[in-house]
Amino acid sequence: MTPKLTAEQLLQDELLPNEQILWQGQPDPSVWFTSSDYFLVPLTIFWSFGAIGIPGFALSKNFLFLDHPEGWPISGFMLIPMLLFPLIGIYLTIGRFFLKANRKKHTYYAVTNKRVIAIVTKSSGKKNITQNFINTIPAINKVSGFKKTHSIFIGILPAFSGVYLNTGLDSFAMAGIQGSVIFFDLQDAEPVYQLINRLRAEAHS
């Protein structure tokens, strides 16, 4: 069995001179939903019924409407989106939650005396690192979530695009979180929140 990685191990070659890790953690993988899912779940279910139902109705009409009285054969070009939309619907309603859970298992957070850092590891062995230097953090917000967890937004809290964050549809929000580091779904987030605030205060004193 492969030993579980830690943020400290992943950052061994990334730490700056005199930089020390003060806290490290991961998002809670058991938290599947966010407050955005109150409207995303009904919306994606409704969309998926249409995406599956319309092609299903079309395909059931005497094999692609070939004997329709007005002669309305569905071309192969039209068949492509008919097959694609149901797949998208399955991802929107179910698949995105599995993608999110898997991503969480490979996500690591760290607070050092100089930076806040989020790391996402890839199966290829590569890692994506987002960071913010303590003395450049413009704002910090703690937002409550499910199962008594909290997410910490380190940077400017995104506006509308933020509804897609941590939902498995995060690519829709990427443009709105440039320059921000987000620690999602933390158990016992208050000490981390206070630590970052203290470091910010010390950096500007």
Protein backbone atom coordinates (compact mmCIF):
# COMPACT_ATOMS: atom_id res chain seq x y z
CA MET A 1 0.00 0.00 0.00
CA THR A 2 1.39 3.42 -1.00
CA PRO A 3 2.07 5.56 2.08
CA LYS A 4 -0.13 8.66 2.39
CA LEU A 5 1.55 11.86 1.29
CA THR A 6 1.56 15.09 3.29
CA ALA A 7 1.89 18.71 2.24
CA GLU A 8 5.29 18.78 3.96
CA GLN A 9 6.59 15.98 1.73
CA LEU A 10 5.21 17.63 -1.40
CA LEU A 11 6.76 20.97 -0.48
CA GLN A 12 10.23 19.72 0.42
CA ASP A 13 11.72 21.14 -2.77
CA GLU A 14 9.45 24.19 -2.86
CA LEU A 15 10.15 25.86 0.47
CA LEU A 16 11.92 29.21 0.46
CA PRO A 17 14.94 29.99 2.67
CA ASN A 18 13.93 30.18 6.33
CA GLU A 19 10.39 29.09 5.47
CA GLN A 20 8.63 26.75 7.91
CA ILE A 21 5.34 24.91 7.64
CA LEU A 22 3.07 25.96 10.52
CA TRP A 23 -0.03 24.00 9.50
CA GLN A 24 -0.96 21.41 6.88
CA GLY A 25 -4.16 19.57 6.01
CA GLN A 26 -6.59 18.31 3.39
CA PRO A 27 -10.25 18.89 2.51
CA ASP A 28 -12.76 16.50 4.07
CA PRO A 29 -13.53 13.95 1.29
CA SER A 30 -16.86 13.00 2.87
CA VAL A 31 -18.37 16.42 2.11
CA TRP A 32 -19.95 16.10 -1.32
CA PHE A 33 -22.27 19.12 -1.42
CA THR A 34 -21.95 22.89 -1.20
CA SER A 35 -24.61 25.54 -0.72
CA SER A 36 -24.57 26.06 -4.51
CA ASP A 37 -25.97 22.55 -4.94
CA TYR A 38 -29.31 23.76 -3.56
CA PHE A 39 -29.96 25.16 -7.03
CA LEU A 40 -27.34 23.29 -9.10
CA VAL A 41 -28.82 19.85 -8.33
CA PRO A 42 -32.40 20.69 -9.43
CA LEU A 43 -31.05 22.63 -12.41
CA THR A 44 -28.79 19.82 -13.63
CA ILE A 45 -31.50 17.19 -13.09
CA PHE A 46 -33.96 19.27 -15.12
CA TRP A 47 -31.35 19.80 -17.85
CA SER A 48 -30.47 16.11 -17.88
CA PHE A 49 -34.09 15.02 -18.28
CA GLY A 50 -34.28 17.20 -21.37
CA ALA A 51 -30.91 16.04 -22.66
CA ILE A 52 -31.89 12.39 -22.30
CA GLY A 53 -35.61 12.64 -22.99
CA ILE A 54 -35.54 14.56 -26.27
CA PRO A 55 -33.02 12.24 -28.01
CA GLY A 56 -34.85 9.25 -26.56
CA PHE A 57 -38.13 10.46 -27.99
CA ALA A 58 -36.54 11.14 -31.38
CA LEU A 59 -34.83 7.77 -31.58
CA SER A 60 -38.03 5.98 -30.64
CA LYS A 61 -40.01 7.42 -33.53
CA ASN A 62 -39.71 4.65 -36.09
CA PHE A 63 -35.92 4.58 -36.16
CA LEU A 64 -34.89 8.22 -36.53
CA PHE A 65 -38.13 9.43 -38.12
CA LEU A 66 -37.25 7.78 -41.42
CA ASP A 67 -40.90 7.04 -42.19
CA HIS A 68 -42.20 10.38 -40.88
CA PRO A 69 -44.97 11.66 -43.19
CA GLU A 70 -43.03 14.86 -43.82
CA GLY A 71 -39.80 12.96 -44.28
CA TRP A 72 -37.58 14.06 -41.41
CA PRO A 73 -34.58 11.73 -41.27
CA ILE A 74 -32.07 12.63 -38.60
CA SER A 75 -28.59 12.84 -40.08
CA GLY A 76 -25.49 11.46 -38.48
CA PHE A 77 -24.41 15.03 -37.73
CA MET A 78 -27.57 15.58 -35.69
CA LEU A 79 -27.07 12.26 -33.93
CA ILE A 80 -23.73 13.36 -32.42
CA PRO A 81 -25.18 16.01 -30.04
CA MET A 82 -28.06 13.67 -29.27
CA LEU A 83 -25.57 11.18 -27.85
CA LEU A 84 -23.31 13.85 -26.36
CA PHE A 85 -25.96 15.70 -24.35
CA PRO A 86 -26.97 12.64 -22.27
CA LEU A 87 -23.30 12.07 -21.38
CA ILE A 88 -23.00 15.68 -20.28
CA GLY A 89 -26.19 15.24 -18.25
CA ILE A 90 -24.79 12.20 -16.46
CA TYR A 91 -21.66 14.14 -15.57
CA LEU A 92 -23.62 17.16 -14.32
CA THR A 93 -25.91 15.11 -12.07
CA ILE A 94 -23.56 12.35 -10.87
CA GLY A 95 -20.09 12.38 -12.36
CA ARG A 96 -19.00 15.75 -11.02
CA PHE A 97 -19.34 14.52 -7.43
CA PHE A 98 -16.98 11.60 -8.05
CA LEU A 99 -14.51 13.92 -9.77
CA LYS A 100 -14.68 16.27 -6.81
CA ALA A 101 -14.16 13.45 -4.27
CA ASN A 102 -11.17 12.13 -6.20
CA ARG A 103 -9.67 15.60 -6.50
CA LYS A 104 -9.96 16.10 -2.76
CA LYS A 105 -7.90 13.00 -2.09
CA HIS A 106 -5.08 14.59 -4.08
CA THR A 107 -5.39 18.09 -2.64
CA TYR A 108 -3.16 19.36 0.14
CA TYR A 109 -3.06 22.67 2.00
CA ALA A 110 -0.29 24.37 3.94
CA VAL A 111 0.32 27.57 5.85
CA THR A 112 3.91 28.64 6.32
CA ASN A 113 5.43 31.67 7.97
CA LYS A 114 5.58 33.23 4.49
CA ARG A 115 2.83 31.75 2.31
CA VAL A 116 -0.52 30.01 2.07
CA ILE A 117 -0.33 27.14 -0.41
CA ALA A 118 -2.71 24.70 -2.11
CA ILE A 119 -1.31 21.67 -3.96
CA VAL A 120 -3.13 19.33 -6.34
CA THR A 121 -1.17 16.23 -7.36
CA LYS A 122 -1.63 14.51 -10.72
CA SER A 123 -1.42 10.84 -11.64
CA SER A 124 1.55 11.77 -13.84
CA GLY A 125 3.47 12.77 -10.74
CA LYS A 126 3.21 16.48 -11.50
CA LYS A 127 1.63 18.92 -9.07
CA ASN A 128 -0.24 22.18 -9.46
CA ILE A 129 0.58 24.75 -6.80
CA THR A 130 -1.35 27.93 -6.06
CA GLN A 131 0.03 30.29 -3.46
CA ASN A 132 -0.30 33.67 -1.88
CA PHE A 133 2.38 35.43 0.12
CA ILE A 134 1.16 36.36 3.58
CA ASN A 135 2.07 40.03 3.18
CA THR A 136 0.09 40.33 -0.08
CA ILE A 137 -3.21 38.78 1.03
CA PRO A 138 -5.91 41.42 0.36
CA ALA A 139 -8.70 39.68 2.29
CA ILE A 140 -9.63 36.46 4.05
CA ASN A 141 -13.11 35.00 4.54
CA LYS A 142 -14.34 31.90 6.37
CA VAL A 143 -17.53 30.36 4.93
CA SER A 144 -19.47 27.57 6.65
CA GLY A 145 -20.31 24.39 4.74
CA PHE A 146 -21.79 20.95 5.28
CA LYS A 147 -20.93 18.54 8.13
CA LYS A 148 -19.63 21.40 10.31
CA THR A 149 -16.84 22.19 7.85
CA HIS A 150 -15.67 25.61 6.70
CA SER A 151 -13.89 26.87 3.61
CA ILE A 152 -11.31 29.64 3.86
CA PHE A 153 -11.10 32.06 0.92
CA ILE A 154 -7.68 33.72 0.94
CA GLY A 155 -7.92 36.58 -1.52
CA ILE A 156 -10.82 38.35 -3.16
CA LEU A 157 -14.03 36.37 -2.80
CA PRO A 158 -15.33 35.72 -6.35
CA ALA A 159 -18.73 37.04 -7.34
CA PHE A 160 -21.13 35.09 -9.55
CA SER A 161 -18.53 32.62 -10.82
CA GLY A 162 -17.94 31.55 -7.22
CA VAL A 163 -21.10 29.46 -7.23
CA TYR A 164 -19.27 26.81 -9.25
CA LEU A 165 -16.35 26.48 -6.84
CA ASN A 166 -15.93 23.09 -5.17
CA THR A 167 -18.86 21.62 -7.13
CA GLY A 168 -17.01 19.58 -9.76
CA LEU A 169 -17.74 22.41 -12.20
CA ASP A 170 -14.82 24.52 -11.01
CA SER A 171 -13.56 25.23 -14.54
CA PHE A 172 -16.45 27.73 -14.90
CA ALA A 173 -15.02 29.73 -11.99
CA MET A 174 -11.32 29.73 -12.80
CA ALA A 175 -11.28 33.24 -14.24
CA GLY A 176 -12.82 34.63 -11.06
CA ILE A 177 -10.29 33.25 -8.57
CA GLN A 178 -6.99 34.32 -10.09
CA GLY A 179 -4.59 35.26 -7.31
CA SER A 180 -6.65 33.52 -4.62
CA VAL A 181 -5.95 30.39 -2.56
CA ILE A 182 -8.95 28.49 -1.19
CA PHE A 183 -8.92 25.85 1.52
CA PHE A 184 -12.15 23.88 0.96
CA ASP A 185 -14.14 21.84 3.50
CA LEU A 186 -11.84 21.96 6.52
CA GLN A 187 -12.71 20.33 9.80
CA ASP A 188 -11.68 22.59 12.69
CA ALA A 189 -10.97 25.54 10.40
CA GLU A 190 -11.03 28.22 13.09
CA PRO A 191 -7.38 27.74 14.25
CA VAL A 192 -6.23 27.91 10.61
CA TYR A 193 -8.27 31.06 10.04
CA GLN A 194 -6.85 32.68 13.17
CA LEU A 195 -3.31 31.63 12.25
CA ILE A 196 -3.49 33.28 8.83
CA ASN A 197 -4.98 36.45 10.33
CA ARG A 198 -2.23 36.61 12.92
CA LEU A 199 0.47 36.16 10.29
CA ARG A 200 -1.12 38.90 8.17
CA ALA A 201 -1.20 41.26 11.13
CA GLU A 202 2.45 40.53 11.95
CA ALA A 203 3.46 41.04 8.31
CA HIS A 204 1.91 44.52 8.28
CA SER A 205 3.02 45.62 11.72
